[in-house]
């Protein structure tokens, strides 16, 4: 089986594709893969580092306002469709799978014009512009949240509720990280706070303001600031005049899912990949959606968990030291509430997502 994968821009589009690839390799060792992305996106680094054959096309997103850049965008779209057709003809895939990001538009459109079966995978509860555009050209639409179904309602017969391949990969983790590696104590309930791979300034600021409120609490707190914010946050905490033994501040964590497994509560943004991991592991969470994303999809993602009792949410405009501390302290001092939230999160998770998508692949290439 030869599979062409495409998706880029953010890790949320790339990691599900790689997780799916790894599962397919487990079940079908002779499978061949090619990944098509852009040189400007994270995929050019992440995919190559994973040892996956990679080819690129040049494409950019449309500006929402009138701009001469949109003329260039149209030109690049036409050129990238032609380039994608050449790549597809050379590789001869059995199926093309797009996991989001504007690079998928020319690649999957080209596949449809060449008669190659194509599938899109939508990770968020609100469909992205590219996937909406491609929905008419593909054979199947895989979704991770039932709320996304409404965005493809005219193609209901194509929709398959599969979940996110990252969930199956994370659910297979059997052992959590040792908190001692992070200069904290194993066996003590721990809160993990982070704002995504690059951090979130407002979340960091609110934590610094709340820092002294955590003194003497029967739980530990780890803040992952993001590398660009670490030095500033460290100086701000140092200026407070005391260093609390139950708090650890780090710039970045590479094995985040393993650390998740060792924590009692997650406080984070509500990107699709993070929520996939939270649900797969059955973790209680306080979600602070980023207001700086397309169609406010992070808030919609968070609301999907909140309405099922699987998480609490603080909007960024309501985030400050007191609201952050109150939400954390209330849950950390209430084991029953955390256990119920964890149960509901686990119930929402799909831990065989890759296998479900593999079945979709087999169906479209019959």
Foldseek 3Di string as FASTA:
>chain_A
DEEEEEEWQDPQQVVLVVLLVVVCCVVPVVYAYEYEYACPTPCVPPVVVVVHHYDYADADDADPDDDPVNVVRVVSLVVRLVVLLVVCVVRVGQEYEGRYDQSVQSNLQSCLVVVRAYEYEALFLDRDPSCLVCLVRHQAYEYAFPSHCVSNVVPNVRYDDQHGSLLQVLLPDDAADACVVQLAHAPFAEEEEAEPQQGDVLSLQQCLVQVVVCAPPRHAYEYAGAQVCQVVSVVSNVVVPDDHSRYGYHPGDDPVSSNQLRHQEYEYEQDSSVLQSCLSNLWEYEHEHDCPDPPSRRVVSVVSLVVQLQYHYDYSVRRHNVVVVVVVVVPVVDVPSGNVNSVSSPVSHDNCSSVSVVVVSVVRSD
